[in-house]
Amino acid sequence: QVQLVESGGGLVQPGGSLRLSCAASGSMFRIYYMGWYRQAPGKQRELVATISRGGTTTYADSVKGRFTISRDNANNTVYLQMNSLKPEDTAVYYCNVDRVLTVSGRYENDYWGQGTQVTVSS
């Protein structure tokens, strides 16, 4: 089992910045993929950014140039630095880890955090 704890959400004015963190814990040996998704009211959950264990990143077009994903493999933590925030970035942000090698030698997939609210409003 893998547990994910997110932090860093809140209320920010347009143009402001926030940094989200997600720490993974549990019986894992290695996490291959970590990422952030978001879900706005009345909309489907969408990908924001992902990062591989080696540091390869992908971003949604809507956040390119404004958001930066990074990770600390030693501490099993993933971050999302969000700059130049817009009202349309308002959503619940979810941490995701995928392709986890557990200490028992099994691969497990697709764990989700509980979500953290980000509200961009003046």
Protein backbone atom coordinates (compact mmCIF):
# COMPACT_ATOMS: atom_id res chain seq x y z
CA GLN A 1 0.00 0.00 0.00
CA VAL A 2 1.05 3.56 -0.74
CA GLN A 3 -0.26 6.61 1.07
CA LEU A 4 -0.11 10.09 -0.45
CA VAL A 5 -0.37 13.28 1.57
CA GLU A 6 -0.77 16.55 -0.29
CA SER A 7 -0.23 20.06 1.02
CA GLY A 8 0.12 23.62 -0.18
CA GLY A 9 -3.28 24.49 -1.60
CA GLY A 10 -5.15 27.65 -0.75
CA LEU A 11 -6.55 30.93 -1.96
CA VAL A 12 -4.39 33.16 -4.13
CA GLN A 13 -4.99 36.23 -6.27
CA PRO A 14 -4.64 36.09 -10.06
CA GLY A 15 -0.99 36.35 -11.01
CA GLY A 16 0.11 34.81 -7.73
CA SER A 17 2.00 31.62 -6.97
CA LEU A 18 1.51 28.46 -4.97
CA ARG A 19 3.61 25.37 -4.42
CA LEU A 20 1.97 22.00 -3.93
CA SER A 21 3.73 19.08 -2.29
CA CYS A 22 2.86 15.40 -2.18
CA ALA A 23 4.72 12.94 0.02
CA ALA A 24 4.39 9.21 -0.59
CA SER A 25 4.88 6.63 2.12
CA GLY A 26 4.34 2.92 2.57
CA SER A 27 5.85 -0.38 1.56
CA MET A 28 7.47 0.83 -1.61
CA PHE A 29 10.95 0.50 -3.00
CA ARG A 30 10.76 2.72 -6.05
CA ILE A 31 8.22 5.02 -7.71
CA TYR A 32 8.52 5.41 -11.43
CA TYR A 33 5.90 8.00 -12.32
CA MET A 34 4.49 10.86 -10.26
CA GLY A 35 2.06 13.50 -11.36
CA TRP A 36 -0.59 16.07 -10.68
CA TYR A 37 -4.15 16.13 -11.97
CA ARG A 38 -6.96 18.58 -11.32
CA GLN A 39 -10.73 18.64 -11.35
CA ALA A 40 -12.76 21.80 -11.57
CA PRO A 41 -16.44 21.89 -10.61
CA GLY A 42 -18.58 20.26 -13.30
CA LYS A 43 -15.55 19.10 -15.29
CA GLN A 44 -13.66 15.87 -15.70
CA ARG A 45 -10.35 15.28 -13.99
CA GLU A 46 -7.49 16.33 -16.27
CA LEU A 47 -3.76 15.86 -16.37
CA VAL A 48 -1.67 18.83 -15.25
CA ALA A 49 1.88 17.47 -15.27
CA THR A 50 3.83 14.25 -14.86
CA ILE A 51 7.44 13.40 -14.14
CA SER A 52 9.31 10.14 -14.52
CA ARG A 53 11.88 8.85 -12.09
CA GLY A 54 14.57 10.04 -14.49
CA GLY A 55 13.11 13.55 -14.66
CA THR A 56 11.24 13.48 -17.97
CA THR A 57 8.27 15.82 -17.72
CA THR A 58 4.99 16.37 -19.54
CA TYR A 59 2.61 19.29 -19.15
CA ALA A 60 -0.89 20.18 -20.20
CA ASP A 61 -0.80 22.94 -22.82
CA SER A 62 -2.78 25.19 -20.51
CA VAL A 63 -0.04 25.25 -17.88
CA LYS A 64 3.12 25.15 -19.99
CA GLY A 65 5.48 27.98 -19.08
CA ARG A 66 3.65 28.68 -15.82
CA PHE A 67 3.82 25.43 -13.83
CA THR A 68 6.89 23.34 -13.01
CA ILE A 69 6.82 19.79 -11.71
CA SER A 70 9.76 18.35 -9.82
CA ARG A 71 10.48 15.42 -7.53
CA ASP A 72 12.77 14.31 -4.75
CA ASN A 73 13.37 10.58 -5.23
CA ALA A 74 15.16 10.18 -1.92
CA ASN A 75 12.10 11.42 -0.05
CA ASN A 76 9.41 10.13 -2.46
CA THR A 77 7.99 13.61 -2.85
CA VAL A 78 6.63 15.43 -5.87
CA TYR A 79 6.14 19.18 -6.15
CA LEU A 80 4.15 21.49 -8.39
CA GLN A 81 5.28 25.09 -8.55
CA MET A 82 2.43 27.16 -9.95
CA ASN A 83 3.16 30.71 -11.11
CA SER A 84 1.07 33.32 -12.90
CA LEU A 85 -2.07 31.65 -11.65
CA LYS A 86 -5.34 32.34 -13.41
CA PRO A 87 -8.94 31.96 -12.23
CA GLU A 88 -9.31 29.02 -14.61
CA ASP A 89 -6.67 27.16 -12.61
CA THR A 90 -9.17 26.90 -9.76
CA ALA A 91 -9.71 23.22 -9.02
CA VAL A 92 -9.02 20.40 -6.63
CA TYR A 93 -5.50 19.18 -7.37
CA TYR A 94 -4.73 15.49 -6.96
CA CYS A 95 -1.38 13.79 -6.63
CA ASN A 96 -0.90 10.51 -8.49
CA VAL A 97 1.82 7.88 -8.42
CA ASP A 98 2.02 5.06 -10.90
CA ARG A 99 4.23 2.04 -11.50
CA VAL A 100 5.39 1.49 -7.93
CA LEU A 101 7.85 -1.28 -7.13
CA THR A 102 7.02 -2.50 -3.65
CA VAL A 103 9.44 -4.01 -1.15
CA SER A 104 7.86 -7.40 -1.84
CA GLY A 105 8.93 -7.15 -5.48
CA ARG A 106 5.47 -6.54 -6.89
CA TYR A 107 4.52 -3.67 -9.15
CA GLU A 108 1.45 -1.69 -8.17
CA ASN A 109 -0.24 1.05 -10.12
CA ASP A 110 -2.33 4.19 -9.80
CA TYR A 111 -2.49 5.60 -6.30
CA TRP A 112 -4.24 8.91 -5.63
CA GLY A 113 -4.05 11.52 -2.92
CA GLN A 114 -7.08 13.02 -1.22
CA GLY A 115 -6.85 16.28 -3.15
CA THR A 116 -6.05 19.86 -2.19
CA GLN A 117 -8.15 22.87 -3.16
CA VAL A 118 -6.57 25.68 -5.17
CA THR A 119 -8.69 28.80 -5.61
CA VAL A 120 -7.55 31.71 -7.74
CA SER A 121 -9.70 34.74 -7.13
CA SER A 122 -9.45 38.44 -6.40
